[in-house]
Protein backbone atom coordinates (compact mmCIF):
# COMPACT_ATOMS: atom_id res chain seq x y z
CA MET A 1 -129.19 -39.43 150.06
CA TYR A 2 -128.68 -35.38 149.98
CA ALA A 3 -126.50 -32.38 149.12
CA VAL A 4 -125.36 -29.91 151.62
CA GLN A 5 -122.98 -26.91 151.66
CA ARG A 6 -120.52 -26.46 154.32
CA GLU A 7 -117.64 -24.03 154.93
CA LEU A 8 -114.16 -24.42 156.85
CA LYS A 9 -113.03 -21.95 159.32
CA ASN A 10 -110.73 -20.50 157.11
CA GLY A 11 -113.56 -19.81 154.54
CA ILE A 12 -113.20 -22.72 151.79
CA PRO A 13 -116.73 -23.77 150.77
CA VAL A 14 -117.24 -27.61 151.09
CA LEU A 15 -119.87 -29.61 149.48
CA ILE A 16 -120.89 -32.92 150.62
CA GLU A 17 -123.49 -35.45 149.43
CA ASP A 18 -123.99 -38.64 151.53
CA ILE A 19 -124.58 -42.05 149.28
CA GLU A 20 -125.50 -44.37 152.27
CA ASN A 21 -125.53 -47.23 149.10
CA LEU A 22 -121.87 -46.74 147.98
CA ASP A 23 -118.75 -48.01 149.40
CA SER A 24 -116.77 -45.84 147.83
CA VAL A 25 -115.88 -41.64 147.98
CA THR A 26 -114.79 -39.29 145.73
CA ILE A 27 -112.23 -36.13 146.83
CA GLY A 28 -112.53 -33.39 144.09
CA VAL A 29 -110.71 -29.84 145.18
CA TYR A 30 -111.21 -27.73 142.40
CA VAL A 31 -110.16 -24.35 141.60
CA LYS A 32 -111.07 -21.37 139.58
CA THR A 33 -108.42 -21.11 137.40
CA GLY A 34 -107.55 -21.87 133.72
CA SER A 35 -106.10 -20.68 130.87
CA LYS A 36 -107.98 -17.62 130.37
CA ASN A 37 -106.74 -16.23 133.15
CA GLU A 38 -103.10 -16.60 132.18
CA LEU A 39 -101.16 -13.32 131.07
CA PRO A 40 -99.38 -12.54 128.01
CA GLY A 41 -95.92 -15.16 127.95
CA GLU A 42 -97.42 -17.85 130.45
CA GLU A 43 -100.18 -19.33 128.04
CA GLY A 44 -99.76 -23.21 129.56
CA ILE A 45 -98.66 -22.12 132.88
CA SER A 46 -102.14 -23.58 134.86
CA HIS A 47 -101.87 -26.70 133.14
CA LEU A 48 -97.86 -27.11 133.88
CA LEU A 49 -98.82 -25.81 137.47
CA GLU A 50 -101.46 -29.70 137.43
CA HIS A 51 -98.95 -31.30 136.67
CA MET A 52 -96.03 -29.83 138.93
CA MET A 53 -98.57 -30.27 142.14
CA PHE A 54 -97.72 -34.54 141.55
CA LYS A 55 -94.18 -34.12 141.77
CA GLY A 56 -93.73 -34.17 145.19
CA THR A 57 -94.11 -32.16 148.56
CA GLU A 58 -92.11 -31.56 151.64
CA ASN A 59 -93.22 -35.18 152.94
CA ARG A 60 -93.56 -37.35 149.67
CA SER A 61 -91.75 -37.59 146.95
CA ALA A 62 -93.50 -37.96 143.75
CA LYS A 63 -93.38 -41.54 143.28
CA GLU A 64 -94.74 -41.52 147.01
CA ILE A 65 -98.04 -39.71 146.13
CA SER A 66 -98.72 -42.52 143.40
CA GLU A 67 -98.22 -45.18 145.43
CA THR A 68 -100.09 -43.97 148.46
CA ILE A 69 -103.40 -44.31 146.47
CA ASP A 70 -102.13 -47.53 144.28
CA ASN A 71 -101.54 -48.95 147.83
CA ILE A 72 -105.23 -48.97 148.89
CA GLY A 73 -106.68 -49.08 145.64
CA GLY A 74 -107.26 -45.38 144.82
CA HIS A 75 -107.21 -43.71 141.78
CA ILE A 76 -105.86 -39.94 142.00
CA ASN A 77 -106.02 -37.66 138.72
CA ALA A 78 -106.40 -34.02 137.49
CA TYR A 79 -107.17 -31.87 134.70
CA THR A 80 -107.06 -28.58 133.45
CA SER A 81 -109.82 -26.73 131.50
CA LYS A 82 -110.06 -23.08 129.83
CA GLU A 83 -111.74 -21.81 133.20
CA ILE A 84 -111.39 -24.48 135.83
CA THR A 85 -108.25 -27.02 137.40
CA ALA A 86 -109.73 -29.86 139.12
CA TYR A 87 -108.21 -32.62 141.27
CA TYR A 88 -109.74 -35.70 142.40
CA VAL A 89 -109.01 -39.36 144.05
CA SER A 90 -111.32 -42.07 143.79
CA LEU A 91 -111.31 -44.97 146.74
CA LEU A 92 -113.23 -46.71 149.21
CA HIS A 93 -114.68 -44.55 152.01
CA LYS A 94 -112.81 -46.28 154.54
CA HIS A 95 -109.68 -44.56 153.19
CA ILE A 96 -111.05 -41.17 152.48
CA ASP A 97 -108.70 -40.05 155.41
CA VAL A 98 -105.97 -40.49 152.96
CA GLY A 99 -107.29 -39.13 150.05
CA ILE A 100 -107.70 -35.85 152.43
CA ASP A 101 -104.50 -36.11 153.83
CA ILE A 102 -102.66 -36.08 149.94
CA PHE A 103 -104.69 -33.56 148.99
CA SER A 104 -103.62 -31.22 151.58
CA ASP A 105 -100.06 -32.33 150.90
CA MET A 106 -100.26 -31.33 147.52
CA PHE A 107 -101.70 -28.02 148.15
CA LEU A 108 -99.52 -27.12 151.42
CA ASN A 109 -96.38 -28.54 151.19
CA SER A 110 -95.28 -29.00 147.11
CA THR A 111 -92.07 -27.95 146.68
CA PHE A 112 -91.78 -27.27 142.91
CA THR A 113 -88.08 -28.10 142.45
CA GLU A 114 -86.22 -26.63 139.83
CA GLU A 115 -85.11 -30.03 138.41
CA ASN A 116 -88.24 -31.52 138.52
CA LEU A 117 -90.07 -28.44 136.06
CA GLU A 118 -87.64 -28.74 134.16
CA LYS A 119 -88.52 -32.42 133.55
CA GLU A 120 -92.01 -31.91 133.07
CA LYS A 121 -92.11 -29.07 131.06
CA LYS A 122 -89.94 -31.94 128.79
CA VAL A 123 -92.81 -34.07 129.64
CA ILE A 124 -95.47 -31.08 128.44
CA ILE A 125 -93.90 -30.17 125.14
CA GLU A 126 -94.00 -34.03 124.48
CA GLU A 127 -97.78 -33.39 124.98
CA ILE A 128 -98.08 -30.94 122.58
CA ARG A 129 -96.23 -32.61 120.12
CA MET A 130 -98.65 -35.67 120.51
CA TYR A 131 -101.57 -33.49 119.66
CA GLU A 132 -100.19 -32.11 117.29
CA ASP A 133 -99.57 -35.77 115.56
CA VAL A 134 -103.52 -36.18 115.73
CA PRO A 135 -105.54 -33.75 113.33
CA GLU A 136 -108.76 -34.00 114.97
CA GLU A 137 -107.51 -33.24 118.22
CA GLN A 138 -105.08 -29.80 116.72
CA LEU A 139 -108.31 -29.04 115.04
CA HIS A 140 -110.25 -28.46 117.60
CA ASP A 141 -107.66 -25.70 119.14
CA LEU A 142 -106.82 -24.21 115.88
CA ASN A 143 -110.34 -23.35 115.64
CA SER A 144 -110.84 -21.93 119.04
CA GLU A 145 -107.96 -19.42 118.26
CA PHE A 146 -109.90 -19.05 114.66
CA ALA A 147 -113.64 -19.01 116.05
CA ILE A 148 -113.02 -16.78 119.02
CA SER A 149 -111.70 -13.54 120.16
CA GLY A 150 -109.97 -13.20 123.87
CA ASN A 151 -109.11 -15.21 126.51
CA HIS A 152 -110.56 -18.07 125.83
CA SER A 153 -109.35 -18.67 122.14
CA ARG A 154 -106.12 -20.11 123.68
CA SER A 155 -104.94 -23.54 124.49
CA VAL A 156 -104.57 -25.33 127.52
CA LEU A 157 -101.42 -26.34 127.08
CA GLY A 158 -99.86 -23.03 125.41
CA THR A 159 -97.34 -23.35 123.24
CA ILE A 160 -94.17 -25.07 122.92
CA GLU A 161 -92.53 -21.68 123.13
CA THR A 162 -94.62 -20.34 126.00
CA VAL A 163 -94.15 -23.46 128.17
CA THR A 164 -90.33 -23.34 127.71
CA GLY A 165 -90.34 -19.82 128.89
CA ILE A 166 -91.81 -20.71 132.24
CA THR A 167 -89.89 -20.28 135.32
CA ARG A 168 -90.19 -21.18 139.18
CA GLY A 169 -90.82 -17.69 139.90
CA MET A 170 -93.25 -17.37 137.76
CA LEU A 171 -94.86 -20.74 138.76
CA LEU A 172 -94.73 -19.75 142.19
CA GLU A 173 -96.23 -16.46 142.04
CA TYR A 174 -99.28 -17.95 139.82
CA PHE A 175 -99.72 -20.75 142.54
CA LYS A 176 -99.92 -18.02 145.31
CA SER A 177 -102.15 -15.80 143.38
CA ARG A 178 -104.82 -18.08 142.61
CA TYR A 179 -104.99 -20.89 144.63
CA THR A 180 -106.68 -19.09 147.72
CA THR A 181 -109.11 -19.82 150.01
CA ASP A 182 -111.30 -17.87 148.50
CA ASN A 183 -110.97 -19.33 144.51
CA ILE A 184 -110.92 -23.24 145.66
CA VAL A 185 -113.89 -25.41 146.13
CA ILE A 186 -113.60 -28.95 148.03
CA SER A 187 -116.69 -30.86 147.11
CA ILE A 188 -117.39 -34.71 148.30
CA ALA A 189 -119.60 -37.45 147.67
CA GLY A 190 -120.06 -40.87 148.37
CA LYS A 191 -120.01 -42.69 151.80
CA ILE A 192 -119.39 -39.52 154.05
CA ASP A 193 -119.49 -39.06 158.04
CA GLU A 194 -120.13 -35.55 157.46
CA ALA A 195 -118.66 -34.08 161.41
CA ARG A 196 -115.82 -36.46 161.26
CA ILE A 197 -115.11 -35.00 157.56
CA ILE A 198 -115.90 -31.37 158.37
CA ASN A 199 -113.07 -31.64 161.52
CA LEU A 200 -110.40 -33.81 159.40
CA LEU A 201 -110.34 -31.06 156.85
CA ASP A 202 -110.54 -28.20 159.11
CA GLU A 203 -107.11 -29.83 160.43
CA LYS A 204 -105.87 -30.43 157.27
CA PHE A 205 -106.44 -27.44 155.17
CA GLY A 206 -106.97 -24.94 158.22
CA SER A 207 -102.91 -23.00 157.65
CA LEU A 208 -104.14 -22.48 154.33
CA ASN A 209 -104.96 -18.84 154.11
CA ARG A 210 -104.38 -17.10 151.32
CA GLN A 211 -106.70 -14.69 149.37
CA LEU A 212 -106.58 -13.92 145.50
CA LYS A 213 -104.64 -11.70 144.06
CA ALA A 214 -105.81 -9.28 141.59
CA ARG A 215 -104.25 -10.03 138.00
CA PRO A 216 -104.92 -8.05 134.77
CA TYR A 217 -107.57 -9.63 132.70
CA ASP A 218 -109.21 -8.96 129.74
CA PRO A 219 -113.11 -10.41 129.94
CA LYS A 220 -113.32 -10.05 126.15
CA PHE A 221 -115.34 -12.73 124.39
CA GLU A 222 -116.56 -11.96 120.94
CA ILE A 223 -117.27 -14.64 117.87
CA ASN A 224 -115.46 -14.35 114.78
CA SER A 225 -116.68 -15.14 111.05
CA GLY A 226 -114.91 -15.67 108.31
CA ASN A 227 -112.68 -19.21 107.15
CA LYS A 228 -109.44 -20.58 107.95
CA LYS A 229 -107.12 -23.33 105.98
CA PHE A 230 -104.60 -25.25 107.28
CA SER A 231 -102.45 -26.97 105.00
CA LYS A 232 -101.19 -30.18 106.77
CA GLU A 233 -100.39 -33.71 104.97
CA THR A 234 -103.62 -35.98 106.30
CA ASN A 235 -105.43 -38.99 104.97
CA GLN A 236 -108.99 -36.97 105.89
CA VAL A 237 -109.89 -33.29 106.16
CA HIS A 238 -111.13 -32.20 109.23
CA LEU A 239 -113.40 -29.42 109.89
CA CYS A 240 -115.25 -27.78 112.40
CA VAL A 241 -118.63 -25.29 111.41
CA ASN A 242 -119.13 -22.96 114.32
CA THR A 243 -122.03 -20.53 115.05
CA LYS A 244 -122.61 -18.32 118.37
CA GLY A 245 -123.58 -20.53 121.70
CA ALA A 246 -124.42 -19.33 124.92
CA SER A 247 -122.69 -18.65 128.50
CA PHE A 248 -123.06 -21.31 131.24
CA LEU A 249 -124.76 -18.78 133.30
CA SER A 250 -127.37 -18.16 130.23
CA ASP A 251 -130.71 -20.31 130.27
CA ASP A 252 -130.43 -20.55 126.56
CA ARG A 253 -127.65 -23.34 126.91
CA TYR A 254 -130.50 -25.60 127.85
CA GLU A 255 -132.42 -24.70 124.10
CA LEU A 256 -129.05 -24.71 122.88
CA SER A 257 -128.35 -28.36 123.89
CA ILE A 258 -131.60 -29.26 122.34
CA ILE A 259 -130.73 -27.93 119.08
CA SER A 260 -127.37 -29.62 119.78
CA ASN A 261 -128.61 -32.90 120.14
CA ILE A 262 -131.31 -32.56 117.00
CA LEU A 263 -128.25 -31.50 114.84
CA GLY A 264 -125.48 -34.01 116.03
CA GLY A 265 -125.89 -35.46 119.16
CA ASN A 266 -126.39 -38.98 118.17
CA MET A 267 -127.13 -41.58 115.24
CA SER A 268 -130.96 -40.62 114.49
CA SER A 269 -129.46 -36.94 114.49
CA ARG A 270 -130.01 -34.79 110.98
CA LEU A 271 -126.36 -34.46 110.35
CA PHE A 272 -125.49 -37.68 111.19
CA GLN A 273 -127.82 -39.30 108.93
CA LYS A 274 -127.98 -36.84 106.25
CA ILE A 275 -124.25 -36.63 106.14
CA ARG A 276 -123.14 -40.33 106.89
CA GLU A 277 -125.79 -42.42 106.30
CA ASP A 278 -127.38 -40.81 103.13
CA ARG A 279 -124.52 -39.33 101.15
CA GLY A 280 -121.42 -41.66 102.87
CA LEU A 281 -119.34 -38.25 103.14
CA ALA A 282 -118.11 -38.76 106.61
CA TYR A 283 -117.33 -41.33 109.18
CA SER A 284 -117.80 -39.11 112.27
CA VAL A 285 -120.05 -35.84 112.53
CA TYR A 286 -121.19 -34.45 115.75
CA THR A 287 -122.07 -31.64 117.25
CA TYR A 288 -120.64 -29.65 120.59
CA LEU A 289 -121.45 -26.61 122.57
CA SER A 290 -118.16 -24.37 124.48
CA SER A 291 -119.87 -22.88 127.14
CA TYR A 292 -118.09 -20.05 129.72
CA GLU A 293 -118.99 -17.30 131.97
CA GLU A 294 -118.40 -14.72 129.22
CA GLY A 295 -120.00 -16.28 126.54
CA GLY A 296 -120.08 -19.65 124.26
CA LEU A 297 -119.68 -21.65 120.65
CA PHE A 298 -121.71 -24.07 118.73
CA THR A 299 -119.76 -26.29 116.87
CA VAL A 300 -119.90 -29.31 114.31
CA TYR A 301 -116.74 -31.49 113.48
CA ALA A 302 -116.98 -33.48 110.48
CA GLY A 303 -113.71 -35.39 108.91
CA THR A 304 -114.06 -36.35 105.30
CA THR A 305 -112.10 -36.05 101.71
CA LYS A 306 -110.33 -33.62 99.95
CA GLU A 307 -113.03 -33.99 96.98
CA SER A 308 -116.28 -33.38 99.66
CA TYR A 309 -115.70 -30.97 102.58
CA GLU A 310 -116.82 -28.11 100.90
CA THR A 311 -120.20 -30.11 100.14
CA VAL A 312 -119.88 -31.31 103.73
CA VAL A 313 -119.59 -27.60 104.79
CA GLY A 314 -122.87 -26.38 102.61
CA LEU A 315 -124.82 -29.00 103.85
CA ILE A 316 -124.38 -28.17 107.77
CA ARG A 317 -125.10 -24.93 106.80
CA GLU A 318 -128.70 -26.01 105.03
CA GLU A 319 -129.51 -27.45 108.59
CA PHE A 320 -128.93 -24.48 110.15
CA ASP A 321 -130.74 -22.31 107.71
CA ASP A 322 -133.73 -25.23 108.04
CA ILE A 323 -133.95 -25.13 111.76
CA LYS A 324 -133.47 -21.11 111.68
CA GLY A 325 -136.45 -20.64 108.98
CA ASN A 326 -138.43 -23.70 109.81
CA GLY A 327 -137.77 -24.91 113.15
CA ILE A 328 -138.03 -28.54 114.63
CA THR A 329 -140.82 -31.25 114.75
CA SER A 330 -142.70 -32.21 118.11
CA GLU A 331 -141.35 -35.66 117.82
CA GLU A 332 -138.22 -33.64 117.57
CA LEU A 333 -138.59 -31.80 120.61
CA SER A 334 -139.55 -34.80 122.56
CA LYS A 335 -136.83 -37.15 121.89
CA ALA A 336 -134.22 -34.73 122.46
CA LYS A 337 -135.53 -34.21 125.99
CA ASN A 338 -135.39 -37.62 126.59
CA GLN A 339 -132.04 -37.82 125.40
CA LEU A 340 -131.11 -34.88 127.92
CA LEU A 341 -133.07 -35.66 130.64
CA SER A 342 -131.69 -39.61 130.05
CA MET A 343 -127.85 -38.41 130.17
CA LEU A 344 -128.43 -36.13 133.16
CA ILE A 345 -129.78 -39.26 134.82
CA LEU A 346 -127.14 -41.48 133.96
CA GLY A 347 -124.29 -39.07 134.40
CA LEU A 348 -125.12 -39.09 137.88
CA GLU A 349 -124.26 -42.62 138.93
CA THR A 350 -120.95 -42.62 140.02
CA SER A 351 -119.55 -40.51 143.32
CA LYS A 352 -117.29 -38.88 140.51
CA ALA A 353 -120.07 -37.96 138.54
CA ARG A 354 -122.06 -36.39 141.34
CA MET A 355 -118.75 -34.86 143.07
CA SER A 356 -117.97 -33.55 140.15
CA ARG A 357 -121.65 -32.06 139.16
CA MET A 358 -121.55 -30.39 142.69
CA ALA A 359 -118.40 -28.55 142.50
CA ASN A 360 -118.88 -27.20 138.92
CA SER A 361 -122.42 -25.85 140.08
CA TYR A 362 -120.93 -24.23 142.81
CA LEU A 363 -118.36 -22.70 141.03
CA MET A 364 -120.72 -21.52 138.24
CA PHE A 365 -123.40 -20.45 140.74
CA LYS A 366 -122.35 -20.45 144.28
CA ARG A 367 -124.85 -23.02 145.26
CA ILE A 368 -125.72 -26.72 144.83
CA LYS A 369 -128.37 -26.72 141.85
CA PRO A 370 -130.85 -29.49 142.42
CA ILE A 371 -131.22 -32.23 139.84
CA GLU A 372 -134.82 -31.58 139.59
CA GLU A 373 -134.80 -27.45 138.59
CA ILE A 374 -132.41 -28.43 135.82
CA THR A 375 -134.92 -31.39 135.06
CA LYS A 376 -137.77 -28.67 134.79
CA LYS A 377 -135.88 -26.42 132.48
CA ILE A 378 -135.38 -29.07 130.17
CA GLU A 379 -139.15 -29.67 130.38
CA ASP A 380 -140.95 -27.02 130.17
CA ILE A 381 -139.11 -25.79 126.83
CA LYS A 382 -141.28 -25.13 124.20
CA MET A 383 -141.09 -25.14 120.00
CA SER A 384 -140.98 -21.07 120.20
CA ASP A 385 -138.14 -21.28 122.31
CA ILE A 386 -136.20 -22.98 120.15
CA LYS A 387 -136.92 -20.53 117.67
CA ARG A 388 -136.28 -17.66 119.35
CA VAL A 389 -132.66 -19.42 120.12
CA ALA A 390 -132.07 -20.60 116.85
CA LYS A 391 -132.91 -16.92 115.25
CA ASP A 392 -130.21 -15.41 117.54
CA ILE A 393 -127.51 -17.95 116.74
CA PHE A 394 -128.21 -18.94 113.28
CA ASP A 395 -126.56 -15.74 111.39
CA ASP A 396 -123.59 -15.16 108.85
CA ARG A 397 -122.25 -12.49 112.08
CA TYR A 398 -121.39 -15.62 113.62
CA TYR A 399 -120.27 -18.52 110.81
CA SER A 400 -116.98 -19.53 110.64
CA VAL A 401 -115.28 -22.42 109.54
CA THR A 402 -112.03 -23.92 110.15
CA VAL A 403 -110.39 -26.72 107.91
CA LEU A 404 -107.67 -28.98 108.78
CA GLY A 405 -105.80 -31.26 106.02
CA ASP A 406 -104.27 -31.97 102.85
CA ILE A 407 -105.81 -28.86 100.79
CA GLU A 408 -104.21 -25.16 100.30
CA ASP A 409 -103.85 -22.40 102.78
């Protein structure tokens, strides 16, 4: 089992991890573009383009793309984030040629017809409406818009107005300027014949030779403070309490992961015990980190009642202050390290997970970070490191609260 970095003749990086004891393989084509790269008026175009890539090529209809993969028992999908658009297919290793052929056809020969574009815009508008019907999902988008200033505050889905206004010309310009040889990485994990796969990729992707075109981009990333309430008829009041996080380029994200785990990463975490178990004020309470190239956000989510939401916010703030003032215990640090190391290792037991790790590592750091390097950073964290990071992030300058529910604006 090994991970290597190769390069196609046209310059596209190829990341390969050969896992001999697997009969499966996962192929991913990752593009370093997302909602943060969109211009005003084209919000949602990255996600719309991801959908359109499956809507037909010069050689296959949309149905034929999905049927080709279904007929060999594979699974093909994609996702769009604020910084990345990823396409992947998992299948038996003997069918790897089919997966590569499908992806090269999509990236080189997609037609993006007006008819399919208008249909898919309707589909995404329904997706937006679906999320608006799920208060917890809607809250996280509203929370980003309020807690962050800059391109990262945008929803990946866009709005009904911006999606409606996207034209085929806009889509083609975005595709040609962002889906380029110097903005793509191919990642493959599973049972692989490396030499044969490189030759096949050169054959299938070799004619792609576009270079990244400059587009206006504002790297501003600021954490806001304050409170924002959104009135909506719901059974629960949903809330997010935020503070400063860390960029994925910062080593502080490991200490932040420890703090997040201790506060709300599991059923024995401080906030789960204090808010749910001790007081019965919420069913769901958890923490999460949003880390981007330019910065990050640390968030606590809870769903509670109209009568209790202010109390819950107060309890969360108490724990922020306690960790800042008193730190954590050695037992908490040891447990959190074990949790993170376990999640890291257990999360790499499939070809898809290994493919994804390599791709994200390369897009972040231009190299495949060895697992041993990450585990050592986690193991080396000391109590003083936690105190230093806690002192930095737990500050009124970065605190914000977003609330959605049956309350007054």
